[in-house]
Structures are given as structure tokens and as C-alpha cells.
Amino acid sequence: MHKRTLQCVFAFILVSLTAFTVWASTRQSVLDWGGLTTPPDNLWTIATLVDADYGFLTFYVWVLWKETRALPRVAWFLAIMLLGNIAMSAYVLRQLARLAPGDSMSTLLCTRNS
């Protein structure tokens, strides 16, 4: 991915997540949230789900960079968006299992998969 693309993606996340938070905040204090489905409580549920999805997309940017082949990129995207932190944990555990003894964290974070 190019720097400009990443800047656009994360600027969109920042602006839209801020807008969702302001939108929910103007209708109900987060301290008054009382449930998942009844208005206005569902506004905070929506804002939280958007926040989680953006977190999944942020993690996926790293996966997209690490994975060099199309099939793993698509498979991991679907897994992350459908399973969230379950898939993210599985991905990190898989990457950790690939490390050789003595490899550093920079090898984990900064080396692309072949």
C-alpha cells in the first residue's frame, strides 16, 4: 500500500468515527447507556460496532501488507471481518509460530510472508 492510500483510509476512519461518537453523544451520554436494542441506547451500540470494525480494518492493513498472495489476503479479510479478535488472535499466533528461535519482534512485524 502507498502512503497516500493509508493516509486516506485512516483519515476517513478518524473523521467518521469522530462523527459517530459525536452523533451518539448528542443523543445520550455514554454513562447512561443501558442496553443493546432500545433507543437511544442502540446509538452507542452502533458507534461501538463501527469502532470495532475500524479496529479490524486497521489490523487488516498489516495483514494486507504481510500477505503477498491474493487468496490469503481475501481469506484473512473475511475471517477478520466475520470473527474479529478471534481471527486476529489466530493470525498473530500463526505468525508467531513461523518465527525461528531468536527472531526478534521486528521480524514478526516487519517481514512479509512469502
PDB file of N, CA and C in Angstrom:
ATOM      1  N   MET A   1       0.836  -1.188   0.000  1.00  0.00           N
ATOM      2  CA  MET A   1       0.000   0.000   0.000  1.00  0.00           C
ATOM      3  C   MET A   1       0.877   1.245   0.000  1.00  0.00           C
ATOM      4  N   HIS A   2       0.369   2.260  -0.608  1.00  0.00           N
ATOM      5  CA  HIS A   2       1.106   3.504  -0.675  1.00  0.00           C
ATOM      6  C   HIS A   2       0.747   4.395   0.505  1.00  0.00           C
ATOM      7  N   LYS A   3       1.671   5.275   0.830  1.00  0.00           N
ATOM      8  CA  LYS A   3       1.476   6.186   1.957  1.00  0.00           C
ATOM      9  C   LYS A   3       0.190   6.998   1.795  1.00  0.00           C
ATOM     10  N   ARG A   4      -0.064   7.498   0.609  1.00  0.00           N
ATOM     11  CA  ARG A   4      -1.245   8.331   0.373  1.00  0.00           C
ATOM     12  C   ARG A   4      -2.534   7.543   0.601  1.00  0.00           C
ATOM     13  N   THR A   5      -2.556   6.295   0.161  1.00  0.00           N
ATOM     14  CA  THR A   5      -3.734   5.445   0.374  1.00  0.00           C
ATOM     15  C   THR A   5      -3.987   5.246   1.858  1.00  0.00           C
ATOM     16  N   LEU A   6      -2.928   4.957   2.594  1.00  0.00           N
ATOM     17  CA  LEU A   6      -3.059   4.772   4.045  1.00  0.00           C
ATOM     18  C   LEU A   6      -3.521   6.061   4.721  1.00  0.00           C
ATOM     19  N   GLN A   7      -3.003   7.182   4.282  1.00  0.00           N
ATOM     20  CA  GLN A   7      -3.436   8.459   4.851  1.00  0.00           C
ATOM     21  C   GLN A   7      -4.925   8.668   4.621  1.00  0.00           C
ATOM     22  N   CYS A   8      -5.405   8.341   3.444  1.00  0.00           N
ATOM     23  CA  CYS A   8      -6.834   8.495   3.140  1.00  0.00           C
ATOM     24  C   CYS A   8      -7.676   7.540   3.976  1.00  0.00           C
ATOM     25  N   VAL A   9      -7.259   6.299   4.078  1.00  0.00           N
ATOM     26  CA  VAL A   9      -8.009   5.307   4.861  1.00  0.00           C
ATOM     27  C   VAL A   9      -8.117   5.743   6.311  1.00  0.00           C
ATOM     28  N   PHE A  10      -6.994   6.104   6.916  1.00  0.00           N
ATOM     29  CA  PHE A  10      -7.012   6.430   8.333  1.00  0.00           C
ATOM     30  C   PHE A  10      -7.605   7.814   8.611  1.00  0.00           C
ATOM     31  N   ALA A  11      -7.539   8.718   7.664  1.00  0.00           N
ATOM     32  CA  ALA A  11      -8.246   9.999   7.819  1.00  0.00           C
ATOM     33  C   ALA A  11      -9.754   9.764   7.794  1.00  0.00           C
ATOM     34  N   PHE A  12     -10.207   8.888   6.886  1.00  0.00           N
ATOM     35  CA  PHE A  12     -11.627   8.543   6.841  1.00  0.00           C
ATOM     36  C   PHE A  12     -12.067   7.910   8.157  1.00  0.00           C
ATOM     37  N   ILE A  13     -11.291   6.982   8.669  1.00  0.00           N
ATOM     38  CA  ILE A  13     -11.619   6.332   9.942  1.00  0.00           C
ATOM     39  C   ILE A  13     -11.703   7.372  11.052  1.00  0.00           C
ATOM     40  N   LEU A  14     -10.729   8.257  11.130  1.00  0.00           N
ATOM     41  CA  LEU A  14     -10.709   9.275  12.166  1.00  0.00           C
ATOM     42  C   LEU A  14     -11.939  10.179  12.088  1.00  0.00           C
ATOM     43  N   VAL A  15     -12.224  10.687  10.902  1.00  0.00           N
ATOM     44  CA  VAL A  15     -13.339  11.623  10.742  1.00  0.00           C
ATOM     45  C   VAL A  15     -14.678  10.928  10.972  1.00  0.00           C
ATOM     46  N   SER A  16     -14.871   9.778  10.366  1.00  0.00           N
ATOM     47  CA  SER A  16     -16.176   9.124  10.509  1.00  0.00           C
ATOM     48  C   SER A  16     -16.400   8.583  11.911  1.00  0.00           C
ATOM     49  N   LEU A  17     -15.364   8.069  12.552  1.00  0.00           N
ATOM     50  CA  LEU A  17     -15.535   7.580  13.921  1.00  0.00           C
ATOM     51  C   LEU A  17     -15.790   8.732  14.884  1.00  0.00           C
ATOM     52  N   THR A  18     -15.140   9.849  14.657  1.00  0.00           N
ATOM     53  CA  THR A  18     -15.424  11.041  15.462  1.00  0.00           C
ATOM     54  C   THR A  18     -16.874  11.480  15.249  1.00  0.00           C
ATOM     55  N   ALA A  19     -17.334  11.446  14.008  1.00  0.00           N
ATOM     56  CA  ALA A  19     -18.722  11.826  13.711  1.00  0.00           C
ATOM     57  C   ALA A  19     -19.710  10.877  14.388  1.00  0.00           C
ATOM     58  N   PHE A  20     -19.444   9.571  14.332  1.00  0.00           N
ATOM     59  CA  PHE A  20     -20.321   8.606  15.006  1.00  0.00           C
ATOM     60  C   PHE A  20     -20.358   8.865  16.507  1.00  0.00           C
ATOM     61  N   THR A  21     -19.214   9.150  17.087  1.00  0.00           N
ATOM     62  CA  THR A  21     -19.152   9.388  18.527  1.00  0.00           C
ATOM     63  C   THR A  21     -19.902  10.661  18.902  1.00  0.00           C
ATOM     64  N   VAL A  22     -19.713  11.724  18.137  1.00  0.00           N
ATOM     65  CA  VAL A  22     -20.438  12.974  18.396  1.00  0.00           C
ATOM     66  C   VAL A  22     -21.935  12.743  18.219  1.00  0.00           C
ATOM     67  N   TRP A  23     -22.317  12.049  17.170  1.00  0.00           N
ATOM     68  CA  TRP A  23     -23.721  11.743  16.904  1.00  0.00           C
ATOM     69  C   TRP A  23     -24.364  11.014  18.082  1.00  0.00           C
ATOM     70  N   ALA A  24     -23.710   9.968  18.572  1.00  0.00           N
ATOM     71  CA  ALA A  24     -24.259   9.214  19.704  1.00  0.00           C
ATOM     72  C   ALA A  24     -24.240  10.059  20.976  1.00  0.00           C
ATOM     73  N   SER A  25     -23.177  10.826  21.171  1.00  0.00           N
ATOM     74  CA  SER A  25     -23.041  11.649  22.380  1.00  0.00           C
ATOM     75  C   SER A  25     -24.101  12.736  22.482  1.00  0.00           C
ATOM     76  N   THR A  26     -24.528  13.267  21.351  1.00  0.00           N
ATOM     77  CA  THR A  26     -25.527  14.337  21.386  1.00  0.00           C
ATOM     78  C   THR A  26     -26.925  13.806  21.670  1.00  0.00           C
ATOM     79  N   ARG A  27     -27.075  12.514  21.596  1.00  0.00           N
ATOM     80  CA  ARG A  27     -28.379  11.907  21.862  1.00  0.00           C
ATOM     81  C   ARG A  27     -28.458  11.232  23.221  1.00  0.00           C
ATOM     82  N   GLN A  28     -27.306  10.801  23.751  1.00  0.00           N
ATOM     83  CA  GLN A  28     -27.295  10.144  25.054  1.00  0.00           C
ATOM     84  C   GLN A  28     -25.864  10.104  25.581  1.00  0.00           C
ATOM     85  N   SER A  29     -25.706  10.380  26.853  1.00  0.00           N
ATOM     86  CA  SER A  29     -24.391  10.246  27.473  1.00  0.00           C
ATOM     87  C   SER A  29     -24.000   8.781  27.493  1.00  0.00           C
ATOM     88  N   VAL A  30     -22.739   8.506  27.243  1.00  0.00           N
ATOM     89  CA  VAL A  30     -22.265   7.125  27.292  1.00  0.00           C
ATOM     90  C   VAL A  30     -22.461   6.541  28.697  1.00  0.00           C
ATOM     91  N   LEU A  31     -22.488   7.399  29.700  1.00  0.00           N
ATOM     92  CA  LEU A  31     -22.684   6.933  31.078  1.00  0.00           C
ATOM     93  C   LEU A  31     -24.118   6.484  31.322  1.00  0.00           C
ATOM     94  N   ASP A  32     -25.045   6.881  30.454  1.00  0.00           N
ATOM     95  CA  ASP A  32     -26.449   6.496  30.603  1.00  0.00           C
ATOM     96  C   ASP A  32     -26.831   5.290  29.749  1.00  0.00           C
ATOM     97  N   TRP A  33     -25.873   4.680  29.081  1.00  0.00           N
ATOM     98  CA  TRP A  33     -26.168   3.548  28.204  1.00  0.00           C
ATOM     99  C   TRP A  33     -26.735   2.406  29.033  1.00  0.00           C
ATOM    100  N   GLY A  34     -27.799   1.800  28.550  1.00  0.00           N
ATOM    101  CA  GLY A  34     -28.450   0.769  29.337  1.00  0.00           C
ATOM    102  C   GLY A  34     -28.791  -0.502  28.591  1.00  0.00           C
ATOM    103  N   GLY A  35     -28.438  -0.631  27.338  1.00  0.00           N
ATOM    104  CA  GLY A  35     -28.787  -1.850  26.632  1.00  0.00           C
ATOM    105  C   GLY A  35     -28.429  -1.811  25.172  1.00  0.00           C
ATOM    106  N   LEU A  36     -28.727  -2.891  24.512  1.00  0.00           N
ATOM    107  CA  LEU A  36     -28.309  -3.041  23.124  1.00  0.00           C
ATOM    108  C   LEU A  36     -29.337  -2.611  22.098  1.00  0.00           C
ATOM    109  N   THR A  37     -30.607  -2.709  22.407  1.00  0.00           N
ATOM    110  CA  THR A  37     -31.593  -2.612  21.340  1.00  0.00           C
ATOM    111  C   THR A  37     -32.578  -1.456  21.432  1.00  0.00           C
ATOM    112  N   THR A  38     -32.719  -0.836  22.580  1.00  0.00           N
ATOM    113  CA  THR A  38     -33.754   0.189  22.704  1.00  0.00           C
ATOM    114  C   THR A  38     -33.188   1.579  22.497  1.00  0.00           C
ATOM    115  N   PRO A  39     -33.890   2.419  21.734  1.00  0.00           N
ATOM    116  CA  PRO A  39     -33.437   3.790  21.556  1.00  0.00           C
ATOM    117  C   PRO A  39     -33.462   4.532  22.883  1.00  0.00           C
ATOM    118  N   PRO A  40     -32.568   5.442  23.163  1.00  0.00           N
ATOM    119  CA  PRO A  40     -31.422   5.794  22.327  1.00  0.00           C
ATOM    120  C   PRO A  40     -30.201   4.921  22.590  1.00  0.00           C
ATOM    121  N   ASP A  41     -30.342   3.896  23.439  1.00  0.00           N
ATOM    122  CA  ASP A  41     -29.184   3.065  23.780  1.00  0.00           C
ATOM    123  C   ASP A  41     -28.547   2.398  22.564  1.00  0.00           C
ATOM    124  N   ASN A  42     -29.333   2.065  21.562  1.00  0.00           N
ATOM    125  CA  ASN A  42     -28.764   1.404  20.402  1.00  0.00           C
ATOM    126  C   ASN A  42     -27.800   2.302  19.623  1.00  0.00           C
ATOM    127  N   LEU A  43     -27.842   3.615  19.845  1.00  0.00           N
ATOM    128  CA  LEU A  43     -26.892   4.516  19.174  1.00  0.00           C
ATOM    129  C   LEU A  43     -25.467   4.214  19.612  1.00  0.00           C
ATOM    130  N   TRP A  44     -25.270   3.970  20.898  1.00  0.00           N
ATOM    131  CA  TRP A  44     -23.939   3.629  21.382  1.00  0.00           C
ATOM    132  C   TRP A  44     -23.529   2.234  20.919  1.00  0.00           C
ATOM    133  N   THR A  45     -24.490   1.360  20.755  1.00  0.00           N
ATOM    134  CA  THR A  45     -24.193   0.031  20.209  1.00  0.00           C
ATOM    135  C   THR A  45     -23.678   0.172  18.784  1.00  0.00           C
ATOM    136  N   ILE A  46     -24.343   0.994  17.984  1.00  0.00           N
ATOM    137  CA  ILE A  46     -23.911   1.224  16.605  1.00  0.00           C
ATOM    138  C   ILE A  46     -22.523   1.853  16.584  1.00  0.00           C
ATOM    139  N   ALA A  47     -22.303   2.871  17.402  1.00  0.00           N
ATOM    140  CA  ALA A  47     -20.997   3.541  17.445  1.00  0.00           C
ATOM    141  C   ALA A  47     -19.902   2.558  17.866  1.00  0.00           C
ATOM    142  N   THR A  48     -20.204   1.678  18.801  1.00  0.00           N
ATOM    143  CA  THR A  48     -19.221   0.693  19.259  1.00  0.00           C
ATOM    144  C   THR A  48     -18.919  -0.326  18.167  1.00  0.00           C
ATOM    145  N   LEU A  49     -19.934  -0.750  17.443  1.00  0.00           N
ATOM    146  CA  LEU A  49     -19.712  -1.700  16.348  1.00  0.00           C
ATOM    147  C   LEU A  49     -18.873  -1.074  15.231  1.00  0.00           C
ATOM    148  N   VAL A  50     -19.138   0.186  14.918  1.00  0.00           N
ATOM    149  CA  VAL A  50     -18.328   0.881  13.908  1.00  0.00           C
ATOM    150  C   VAL A  50     -16.884   0.977  14.389  1.00  0.00           C
ATOM    151  N   ASP A  51     -16.693   1.309  15.656  1.00  0.00           N
ATOM    152  CA  ASP A  51     -15.351   1.392  16.225  1.00  0.00           C
ATOM    153  C   ASP A  51     -14.638   0.044  16.119  1.00  0.00           C
ATOM    154  N   ALA A  52     -15.327  -1.033  16.449  1.00  0.00           N
ATOM    155  CA  ALA A  52     -14.726  -2.373  16.362  1.00  0.00           C
ATOM    156  C   ALA A  52     -14.360  -2.705  14.917  1.00  0.00           C
ATOM    157  N   ASP A  53     -15.267  -2.434  13.981  1.00  0.00           N
ATOM    158  CA  ASP A  53     -14.979  -2.720  12.575  1.00  0.00           C
ATOM    159  C   ASP A  53     -13.765  -1.939  12.083  1.00  0.00           C
ATOM    160  N   TYR A  54     -13.645  -0.693  12.501  1.00  0.00           N
ATOM    161  CA  TYR A  54     -12.472   0.090  12.105  1.00  0.00           C
ATOM    162  C   TYR A  54     -11.200  -0.482  12.721  1.00  0.00           C
ATOM    163  N   GLY A  55     -11.299  -0.987  13.937  1.00  0.00           N
ATOM    164  CA  GLY A  55     -10.149  -1.658  14.544  1.00  0.00           C
ATOM    165  C   GLY A  55      -9.748  -2.890  13.744  1.00  0.00           C
ATOM    166  N   PHE A  56     -10.746  -3.638  13.271  1.00  0.00           N
ATOM    167  CA  PHE A  56     -10.460  -4.815  12.448  1.00  0.00           C
ATOM    168  C   PHE A  56      -9.789  -4.400  11.144  1.00  0.00           C
ATOM    169  N   LEU A  57     -10.275  -3.317  10.535  1.00  0.00           N
ATOM    170  CA  LEU A  57      -9.669  -2.839   9.293  1.00  0.00           C
ATOM    171  C   LEU A  57      -8.242  -2.348   9.515  1.00  0.00           C
ATOM    172  N   THR A  58      -8.013  -1.708  10.657  1.00  0.00           N
ATOM    173  CA  THR A  58      -6.661  -1.244  10.972  1.00  0.00           C
ATOM    174  C   THR A  58      -5.700  -2.424  11.073  1.00  0.00           C
ATOM    175  N   PHE A  59      -6.108  -3.474  11.764  1.00  0.00           N
ATOM    176  CA  PHE A  59      -5.287  -4.682  11.859  1.00  0.00           C
ATOM    177  C   PHE A  59      -5.097  -5.295  10.478  1.00  0.00           C
ATOM    178  N   TYR A  60      -6.170  -5.301   9.678  1.00  0.00           N
ATOM    179  CA  TYR A  60      -6.096  -5.906   8.355  1.00  0.00           C
ATOM    180  C   TYR A  60      -5.089  -5.194   7.448  1.00  0.00           C
ATOM    181  N   VAL A  61      -4.870  -3.919   7.634  1.00  0.00           N
ATOM    182  CA  VAL A  61      -3.858  -3.210   6.834  1.00  0.00           C
ATOM    183  C   VAL A  61      -2.505  -3.890   6.998  1.00  0.00           C
ATOM    184  N   TRP A  62      -2.180  -4.306   8.221  1.00  0.00           N
ATOM    185  CA  TRP A  62      -0.925  -5.022   8.459  1.00  0.00           C
ATOM    186  C   TRP A  62      -0.958  -6.380   7.762  1.00  0.00           C
ATOM    187  N   VAL A  63      -2.077  -7.100   7.873  1.00  0.00           N
ATOM    188  CA  VAL A  63      -2.215  -8.405   7.223  1.00  0.00           C
ATOM    189  C   VAL A  63      -2.067  -8.250   5.710  1.00  0.00           C
ATOM    190  N   LEU A  64      -2.727  -7.239   5.152  1.00  0.00           N
ATOM    191  CA  LEU A  64      -2.649  -6.985   3.714  1.00  0.00           C
ATOM    192  C   LEU A  64      -1.203  -6.762   3.283  1.00  0.00           C
ATOM    193  N   TRP A  65      -0.447  -6.056   4.087  1.00  0.00           N
ATOM    194  CA  TRP A  65       0.962  -5.825   3.762  1.00  0.00           C
ATOM    195  C   TRP A  65       1.770  -7.108   3.916  1.00  0.00           C
ATOM    196  N   LYS A  66       1.553  -7.851   4.998  1.00  0.00           N
ATOM    197  CA  LYS A  66       2.339  -9.071   5.263  1.00  0.00           C
ATOM    198  C   LYS A  66       2.089 -10.154   4.230  1.00  0.00           C
ATOM    199  N   GLU A  67       0.836 -10.335   3.855  1.00  0.00           N
ATOM    200  CA  GLU A  67       0.495 -11.398   2.913  1.00  0.00           C
ATOM    201  C   GLU A  67       0.733 -10.908   1.495  1.00  0.00           C
ATOM    202  N   THR A  68       1.430 -11.686   0.702  1.00  0.00           N
ATOM    203  CA  THR A  68       1.778 -11.253  -0.648  1.00  0.00           C
ATOM    204  C   THR A  68       0.881 -11.883  -1.711  1.00  0.00           C
ATOM    205  N   ARG A  69       0.130 -12.920  -1.342  1.00  0.00           N
ATOM    206  CA  ARG A  69      -0.732 -13.612  -2.300  1.00  0.00           C
ATOM    207  C   ARG A  69      -2.195 -13.212  -2.086  1.00  0.00           C
ATOM    208  N   ALA A  70      -2.968 -13.225  -3.179  1.00  0.00           N
ATOM    209  CA  ALA A  70      -4.359 -12.759  -3.137  1.00  0.00           C
ATOM    210  C   ALA A  70      -5.257 -13.641  -2.274  1.00  0.00           C
ATOM    211  N   LEU A  71      -5.149 -14.954  -2.386  1.00  0.00           N
ATOM    212  CA  LEU A  71      -6.053 -15.841  -1.652  1.00  0.00           C
ATOM    213  C   LEU A  71      -5.938 -15.666  -0.139  1.00  0.00           C
ATOM    214  N   PRO A  72      -4.731 -15.680   0.438  1.00  0.00           N
ATOM    215  CA  PRO A  72      -4.653 -15.430   1.883  1.00  0.00           C
ATOM    216  C   PRO A  72      -5.158 -14.040   2.271  1.00  0.00           C
ATOM    217  N   ARG A  73      -4.927 -13.048   1.440  1.00  0.00           N
ATOM    218  CA  ARG A  73      -5.416 -11.696   1.730  1.00  0.00           C
ATOM    219  C   ARG A  73      -6.941 -11.679   1.836  1.00  0.00           C
ATOM    220  N   VAL A  74      -7.603 -12.314   0.881  1.00  0.00           N
ATOM    221  CA  VAL A  74      -9.070 -12.347   0.875  1.00  0.00           C
ATOM    222  C   VAL A  74      -9.586 -13.189   2.042  1.00  0.00           C
ATOM    223  N   ALA A  75      -8.983 -14.356   2.239  1.00  0.00           N
ATOM    224  CA  ALA A  75      -9.422 -15.254   3.318  1.00  0.00           C
ATOM    225  C   ALA A  75      -9.284 -14.592   4.681  1.00  0.00           C
ATOM    226  N   TRP A  76      -8.154 -13.930   4.921  1.00  0.00           N
ATOM    227  CA  TRP A  76      -7.956 -13.272   6.213  1.00  0.00           C
ATOM    228  C   TRP A  76      -8.877 -12.068   6.366  1.00  0.00           C
ATOM    229  N   PHE A  77      -9.153 -11.354   5.284  1.00  0.00           N
ATOM    230  CA  PHE A  77     -10.098 -10.240   5.380  1.00  0.00           C
ATOM    231  C   PHE A  77     -11.462 -10.751   5.826  1.00  0.00           C
ATOM    232  N   LEU A  78     -11.955 -11.795   5.174  1.00  0.00           N
ATOM    233  CA  LEU A  78     -13.257 -12.351   5.539  1.00  0.00           C
ATOM    234  C   LEU A  78     -13.255 -12.857   6.981  1.00  0.00           C
ATOM    235  N   ALA A  79     -12.202 -13.557   7.359  1.00  0.00           N
ATOM    236  CA  ALA A  79     -12.121 -14.089   8.723  1.00  0.00           C
ATOM    237  C   ALA A  79     -12.110 -12.960   9.752  1.00  0.00           C
ATOM    238  N   ILE A  80     -11.327 -11.934   9.510  1.00  0.00           N
ATOM    239  CA  ILE A  80     -11.223 -10.819  10.459  1.00  0.00           C
ATOM    240  C   ILE A  80     -12.540 -10.063  10.563  1.00  0.00           C
ATOM    241  N   MET A  81     -13.186  -9.799   9.437  1.00  0.00           N
ATOM    242  CA  MET A  81     -14.440  -9.043   9.473  1.00  0.00           C
ATOM    243  C   MET A  81     -15.592  -9.860  10.058  1.00  0.00           C
ATOM    244  N   LEU A  82     -15.545 -11.189   9.906  1.00  0.00           N
ATOM    245  CA  LEU A  82     -16.619 -12.033  10.438  1.00  0.00           C
ATOM    246  C   LEU A  82     -16.371 -12.472  11.877  1.00  0.00           C
ATOM    247  N   LEU A  83     -15.102 -12.700  12.223  1.00  0.00           N
ATOM    248  CA  LEU A  83     -14.783 -13.251  13.541  1.00  0.00           C
ATOM    249  C   LEU A  83     -14.050 -12.278  14.451  1.00  0.00           C
ATOM    250  N   GLY A  84     -13.628 -11.138  13.927  1.00  0.00           N
ATOM    251  CA  GLY A  84     -12.997 -10.111  14.747  1.00  0.00           C
ATOM    252  C   GLY A  84     -11.741 -10.580  15.445  1.00  0.00           C
ATOM    253  N   ASN A  85     -11.701 -10.363  16.740  1.00  0.00           N
ATOM    254  CA  ASN A  85     -10.496 -10.658  17.526  1.00  0.00           C
ATOM    255  C   ASN A  85     -10.149 -12.136  17.562  1.00  0.00           C
ATOM    256  N   ILE A  86     -11.101 -13.011  17.318  1.00  0.00           N
ATOM    257  CA  ILE A  86     -10.789 -14.438  17.233  1.00  0.00           C
ATOM    258  C   ILE A  86      -9.834 -14.675  16.067  1.00  0.00           C
ATOM    259  N   ALA A  87     -10.189 -14.157  14.892  1.00  0.00           N
ATOM    260  CA  ALA A  87      -9.336 -14.318  13.716  1.00  0.00           C
ATOM    261  C   ALA A  87      -8.025 -13.556  13.877  1.00  0.00           C
ATOM    262  N   MET A  88      -8.079 -12.391  14.477  1.00  0.00           N
ATOM    263  CA  MET A  88      -6.856 -11.610  14.671  1.00  0.00           C
ATOM    264  C   MET A  88      -5.883 -12.349  15.575  1.00  0.00           C
ATOM    265  N   SER A  89      -6.383 -12.950  16.635  1.00  0.00           N
ATOM    266  CA  SER A  89      -5.528 -13.728  17.530  1.00  0.00           C
ATOM    267  C   SER A  89      -4.946 -14.932  16.802  1.00  0.00           C
ATOM    268  N   ALA A  90      -5.772 -15.601  16.004  1.00  0.00           N
ATOM    269  CA  ALA A  90      -5.286 -16.758  15.237  1.00  0.00           C
ATOM    270  C   ALA A  90      -4.186 -16.332  14.272  1.00  0.00           C
ATOM    271  N   TYR A  91      -4.357 -15.182  13.627  1.00  0.00           N
ATOM    272  CA  TYR A  91      -3.343 -14.703  12.693  1.00  0.00           C
ATOM    273  C   TYR A  91      -2.017 -14.436  13.409  1.00  0.00           C
ATOM    274  N   VAL A  92      -2.079 -13.749  14.536  1.00  0.00           N
ATOM    275  CA  VAL A  92      -0.846 -13.436  15.274  1.00  0.00           C
ATOM    276  C   VAL A  92      -0.194 -14.722  15.769  1.00  0.00           C
ATOM    277  N   LEU A  93      -0.973 -15.654  16.287  1.00  0.00           N
ATOM    278  CA  LEU A  93      -0.406 -16.932  16.739  1.00  0.00           C
ATOM    279  C   LEU A  93       0.256 -17.682  15.584  1.00  0.00           C
ATOM    280  N   ARG A  94      -0.366 -17.633  14.422  1.00  0.00           N
ATOM    281  CA  ARG A  94       0.230 -18.278  13.234  1.00  0.00           C
ATOM    282  C   ARG A  94       1.550 -17.611  12.864  1.00  0.00           C
ATOM    283  N   GLN A  95       1.583 -16.289  12.913  1.00  0.00           N
ATOM    284  CA  GLN A  95       2.826 -15.580  12.598  1.00  0.00           C
ATOM    285  C   GLN A  95       3.908 -15.872  13.636  1.00  0.00           C
ATOM    286  N   LEU A  96       3.520 -15.951  14.909  1.00  0.00           N
ATOM    287  CA  LEU A  96       4.481 -16.276  15.969  1.00  0.00           C
ATOM    288  C   LEU A  96       5.034 -17.682  15.787  1.00  0.00           C
ATOM    289  N   ALA A  97       4.198 -18.618  15.363  1.00  0.00           N
ATOM    290  CA  ALA A  97       4.649 -19.997  15.146  1.00  0.00           C
ATOM    291  C   ALA A  97       5.649 -20.084  14.005  1.00  0.00           C
ATOM    292  N   ARG A  98       5.580 -19.175  13.077  1.00  0.00           N
ATOM    293  CA  ARG A  98       6.515 -19.162  11.940  1.00  0.00           C
ATOM    294  C   ARG A  98       7.893 -18.607  12.304  1.00  0.00           C
ATOM    295  N   LEU A  99       7.992 -17.917  13.416  1.00  0.00           N
ATOM    296  CA  LEU A  99       9.278 -17.326  13.801  1.00  0.00           C
ATOM    297  C   LEU A  99      10.271 -18.411  14.191  1.00  0.00           C
ATOM    298  N   ALA A 100      11.493 -18.218  13.792  1.00  0.00           N
ATOM    299  CA  ALA A 100      12.577 -19.113  14.205  1.00  0.00           C
ATOM    300  C   ALA A 100      13.048 -18.701  15.597  1.00  0.00           C
ATOM    301  N   PRO A 101      13.632 -19.649  16.344  1.00  0.00           N
ATOM    302  CA  PRO A 101      14.172 -19.268  17.660  1.00  0.00           C
ATOM    303  C   PRO A 101      15.173 -18.120  17.504  1.00  0.00           C
ATOM    304  N   GLY A 102      15.032 -17.143  18.337  1.00  0.00           N
ATOM    305  CA  GLY A 102      15.933 -15.998  18.295  1.00  0.00           C
ATOM    306  C   GLY A 102      15.483 -14.869  17.396  1.00  0.00           C
ATOM    307  N   ASP A 103      14.423 -15.081  16.598  1.00  0.00           N
ATOM    308  CA  ASP A 103      13.906 -13.986  15.774  1.00  0.00           C
ATOM    309  C   ASP A 103      13.361 -12.885  16.667  1.00  0.00           C
ATOM    310  N   SER A 104      13.512 -11.667  16.223  1.00  0.00           N
ATOM    311  CA  SER A 104      13.062 -10.522  17.007  1.00  0.00           C
ATOM    312  C   SER A 104      11.616 -10.162  16.658  1.00  0.00           C
ATOM    313  N   MET A 105      11.058  -9.272  17.442  1.00  0.00           N
ATOM    314  CA  MET A 105       9.709  -8.769  17.163  1.00  0.00           C
ATOM    315  C   MET A 105       9.691  -8.024  15.831  1.00  0.00           C
ATOM    316  N   SER A 106      10.793  -7.410  15.459  1.00  0.00           N
ATOM    317  CA  SER A 106      10.815  -6.712  14.168  1.00  0.00           C
ATOM    318  C   SER A 106      10.662  -7.712  13.015  1.00  0.00           C
ATOM    319  N   THR A 107      11.143  -8.932  13.196  1.00  0.00           N
ATOM    320  CA  THR A 107      10.941  -9.962  12.178  1.00  0.00           C
ATOM    321  C   THR A 107       9.453 -10.277  12.064  1.00  0.00           C
ATOM    322  N   LEU A 108       8.785 -10.388  13.195  1.00  0.00           N
ATOM    323  CA  LEU A 108       7.335 -10.632  13.204  1.00  0.00           C
ATOM    324  C   LEU A 108       6.588  -9.503  12.511  1.00  0.00           C
ATOM    325  N   LEU A 109       6.897  -8.286  12.890  1.00  0.00           N
ATOM    326  CA  LEU A 109       6.126  -7.130  12.442  1.00  0.00           C
ATOM    327  C   LEU A 109       6.521  -6.617  11.057  1.00  0.00           C
ATOM    328  N   CYS A 110       7.781  -6.783  10.685  1.00  0.00           N
ATOM    329  CA  CYS A 110       8.286  -6.083   9.504  1.00  0.00           C
ATOM    330  C   CYS A 110       8.714  -6.988   8.353  1.00  0.00           C
ATOM    331  N   THR A 111       8.487  -8.289   8.462  1.00  0.00           N
ATOM    332  CA  THR A 111       8.875  -9.200   7.392  1.00  0.00           C
ATOM    333  C   THR A 111       7.624  -9.705   6.689  1.00  0.00           C
ATOM    334  N   ARG A 112       7.626  -9.597   5.373  1.00  0.00           N
ATOM    335  CA  ARG A 112       6.469 -10.063   4.602  1.00  0.00           C
ATOM    336  C   ARG A 112       6.525 -11.582   4.451  1.00  0.00           C
ATOM    337  N   ASN A 113       5.354 -12.186   4.370  1.00  0.00           N
ATOM    338  CA  ASN A 113       5.270 -13.627   4.143  1.00  0.00           C
ATOM    339  C   ASN A 113       5.552 -13.916   2.680  1.00  0.00           C
ATOM    340  N   SER A 114       6.167 -15.070   2.434  1.00  0.00           N
ATOM    341  CA  SER A 114       6.467 -15.429   1.029  1.00  0.00           C
ATOM    342  C   SER A 114       5.334 -16.223   0.437  1.00  0.00           C
TER     343      SER A 114
END
